[in-house]
Amino acid sequence: MCIIKRMAHRTHSKILRDAELSDIAKACRKPESSVRSWIHRDSIPPGFWLTLDRHGYTTLEELAHGASEIPVDELPGAEPEASKEAEAA
């Protein structure tokens, strides 16, 4: 019998908080203020996922799971809900 243990997934904010802010910024070649903004938005831009995976801060699976928890209208580039309703009218 095969038993699969579910991993506890962290949010993007938790992933970043579990590491040193300066280390993440250095690995991603971004200022600390940018990384801080990712924490506040609870969203790590996909362009940095592979870097964070390769540096051992997280896995691509955990990042994808964290992103799937974000409501679609809060994703970067999403249209505000009000404009969608106006288009439907």
C-alpha atoms as a PDB file:
ATOM      1  CA  MET A   1       0.000   0.000   0.000  1.00  0.00           C
ATOM      2  CA  CYS A   2       1.294   3.441  -0.938  1.00  0.00           C
ATOM      3  CA  ILE A   3       0.602   6.259   1.472  1.00  0.00           C
ATOM      4  CA  ILE A   4       1.054   9.788   0.190  1.00  0.00           C
ATOM      5  CA  LYS A   5       1.684  12.396   2.839  1.00  0.00           C
ATOM      6  CA  ARG A   6       0.298  15.844   2.000  1.00  0.00           C
ATOM      7  CA  MET A   7       2.862  18.605   2.263  1.00  0.00           C
ATOM      8  CA  ALA A   8       1.938  21.687   4.189  1.00  0.00           C
ATOM      9  CA  HIS A   9       2.220  24.519   1.697  1.00  0.00           C
ATOM     10  CA  ARG A  10       3.263  28.003   2.722  1.00  0.00           C
ATOM     11  CA  THR A  11       1.890  31.214   1.294  1.00  0.00           C
ATOM     12  CA  HIS A  12       4.243  33.359  -0.769  1.00  0.00           C
ATOM     13  CA  SER A  13       4.509  35.774   2.173  1.00  0.00           C
ATOM     14  CA  LYS A  14       5.446  32.936   4.529  1.00  0.00           C
ATOM     15  CA  ILE A  15       8.094  31.651   2.105  1.00  0.00           C
ATOM     16  CA  LEU A  16       9.691  35.099   2.038  1.00  0.00           C
ATOM     17  CA  ARG A  17       9.378  35.643   5.797  1.00  0.00           C
ATOM     18  CA  ASP A  18      11.067  32.301   6.492  1.00  0.00           C
ATOM     19  CA  ALA A  19      14.257  33.581   4.822  1.00  0.00           C
ATOM     20  CA  GLU A  20      16.424  36.644   5.315  1.00  0.00           C
ATOM     21  CA  LEU A  21      15.035  39.522   3.262  1.00  0.00           C
ATOM     22  CA  SER A  22      18.521  40.568   2.158  1.00  0.00           C
ATOM     23  CA  ASP A  23      19.364  37.026   0.998  1.00  0.00           C
ATOM     24  CA  ILE A  24      16.211  36.803  -1.132  1.00  0.00           C
ATOM     25  CA  ALA A  25      16.880  40.258  -2.594  1.00  0.00           C
ATOM     26  CA  LYS A  26      20.459  39.298  -3.425  1.00  0.00           C
ATOM     27  CA  ALA A  27      19.451  35.971  -5.028  1.00  0.00           C
ATOM     28  CA  CYS A  28      16.797  37.703  -7.145  1.00  0.00           C
ATOM     29  CA  ARG A  29      18.977  40.754  -7.854  1.00  0.00           C
ATOM     30  CA  LYS A  30      16.217  43.047  -6.644  1.00  0.00           C
ATOM     31  CA  PRO A  31      16.175  45.761  -3.974  1.00  0.00           C
ATOM     32  CA  GLU A  32      14.859  44.760  -0.558  1.00  0.00           C
ATOM     33  CA  SER A  33      11.942  47.152  -1.066  1.00  0.00           C
ATOM     34  CA  SER A  34      10.772  45.019  -4.015  1.00  0.00           C
ATOM     35  CA  VAL A  35      10.900  41.830  -1.970  1.00  0.00           C
ATOM     36  CA  ARG A  36       9.052  43.602   0.850  1.00  0.00           C
ATOM     37  CA  SER A  37       6.297  44.532  -1.623  1.00  0.00           C
ATOM     38  CA  TRP A  38       5.986  40.850  -2.619  1.00  0.00           C
ATOM     39  CA  ILE A  39       5.395  40.040   1.062  1.00  0.00           C
ATOM     40  CA  HIS A  40       2.665  42.667   1.340  1.00  0.00           C
ATOM     41  CA  ARG A  41       0.969  41.436  -1.856  1.00  0.00           C
ATOM     42  CA  ASP A  42       1.527  37.771  -0.865  1.00  0.00           C
ATOM     43  CA  SER A  43       2.706  37.212  -4.418  1.00  0.00           C
ATOM     44  CA  ILE A  44       6.139  36.344  -5.772  1.00  0.00           C
ATOM     45  CA  PRO A  45       6.387  37.217  -9.485  1.00  0.00           C
ATOM     46  CA  PRO A  46       6.709  34.014 -11.549  1.00  0.00           C
ATOM     47  CA  GLY A  47       9.948  35.258 -13.112  1.00  0.00           C
ATOM     48  CA  PHE A  48      11.709  34.643  -9.785  1.00  0.00           C
ATOM     49  CA  TRP A  49      10.279  31.217  -8.976  1.00  0.00           C
ATOM     50  CA  LEU A  50      13.092  29.220 -10.561  1.00  0.00           C
ATOM     51  CA  THR A  51      15.700  31.338  -8.765  1.00  0.00           C
ATOM     52  CA  LEU A  52      14.054  30.730  -5.385  1.00  0.00           C
ATOM     53  CA  ASP A  53      13.745  27.014  -6.149  1.00  0.00           C
ATOM     54  CA  ARG A  54      17.390  26.716  -7.219  1.00  0.00           C
ATOM     55  CA  HIS A  55      18.590  28.572  -4.114  1.00  0.00           C
ATOM     56  CA  GLY A  56      16.601  26.171  -1.920  1.00  0.00           C
ATOM     57  CA  TYR A  57      14.130  28.660  -0.432  1.00  0.00           C
ATOM     58  CA  THR A  58      11.110  26.766  -1.758  1.00  0.00           C
ATOM     59  CA  THR A  59       9.967  24.472  -4.553  1.00  0.00           C
ATOM     60  CA  LEU A  60       8.148  25.224  -7.778  1.00  0.00           C
ATOM     61  CA  GLU A  61       5.275  23.083  -6.497  1.00  0.00           C
ATOM     62  CA  GLU A  62       4.939  25.167  -3.340  1.00  0.00           C
ATOM     63  CA  LEU A  63       5.062  28.423  -5.320  1.00  0.00           C
ATOM     64  CA  ALA A  64       2.386  27.188  -7.726  1.00  0.00           C
ATOM     65  CA  HIS A  65       0.185  26.112  -4.843  1.00  0.00           C
ATOM     66  CA  GLY A  66       0.633  29.520  -3.200  1.00  0.00           C
ATOM     67  CA  ALA A  67      -0.312  31.260  -6.431  1.00  0.00           C
ATOM     68  CA  SER A  68      -3.416  29.118  -6.824  1.00  0.00           C
ATOM     69  CA  GLU A  69      -4.666  30.472  -3.491  1.00  0.00           C
ATOM     70  CA  ILE A  70      -4.726  34.046  -4.838  1.00  0.00           C
ATOM     71  CA  PRO A  71      -8.143  35.178  -6.122  1.00  0.00           C
ATOM     72  CA  VAL A  72      -8.015  35.654  -9.896  1.00  0.00           C
ATOM     73  CA  ASP A  73      -8.983  39.331  -9.723  1.00  0.00           C
ATOM     74  CA  GLU A  74      -5.959  40.010  -7.477  1.00  0.00           C
ATOM     75  CA  LEU A  75      -3.387  38.553  -9.874  1.00  0.00           C
ATOM     76  CA  PRO A  76      -1.000  41.061 -11.472  1.00  0.00           C
ATOM     77  CA  GLY A  77      -2.546  42.464 -14.653  1.00  0.00           C
ATOM     78  CA  ALA A  78      -6.100  41.429 -13.731  1.00  0.00           C
ATOM     79  CA  GLU A  79      -8.870  43.838 -14.597  1.00  0.00           C
ATOM     80  CA  PRO A  80     -10.718  45.410 -11.673  1.00  0.00           C
ATOM     81  CA  GLU A  81     -14.078  43.764 -11.021  1.00  0.00           C
ATOM     82  CA  ALA A  82     -15.969  47.026 -11.677  1.00  0.00           C
ATOM     83  CA  SER A  83     -14.681  47.274 -15.250  1.00  0.00           C
ATOM     84  CA  LYS A  84     -15.724  43.662 -15.948  1.00  0.00           C
ATOM     85  CA  GLU A  85     -19.252  44.425 -14.750  1.00  0.00           C
ATOM     86  CA  ALA A  86     -19.409  47.556 -16.917  1.00  0.00           C
ATOM     87  CA  GLU A  87     -18.407  45.544 -19.992  1.00  0.00           C
ATOM     88  CA  ALA A  88     -21.133  42.987 -19.283  1.00  0.00           C
ATOM     89  CA  ALA A  89     -23.842  45.661 -19.093  1.00  0.00           C
END
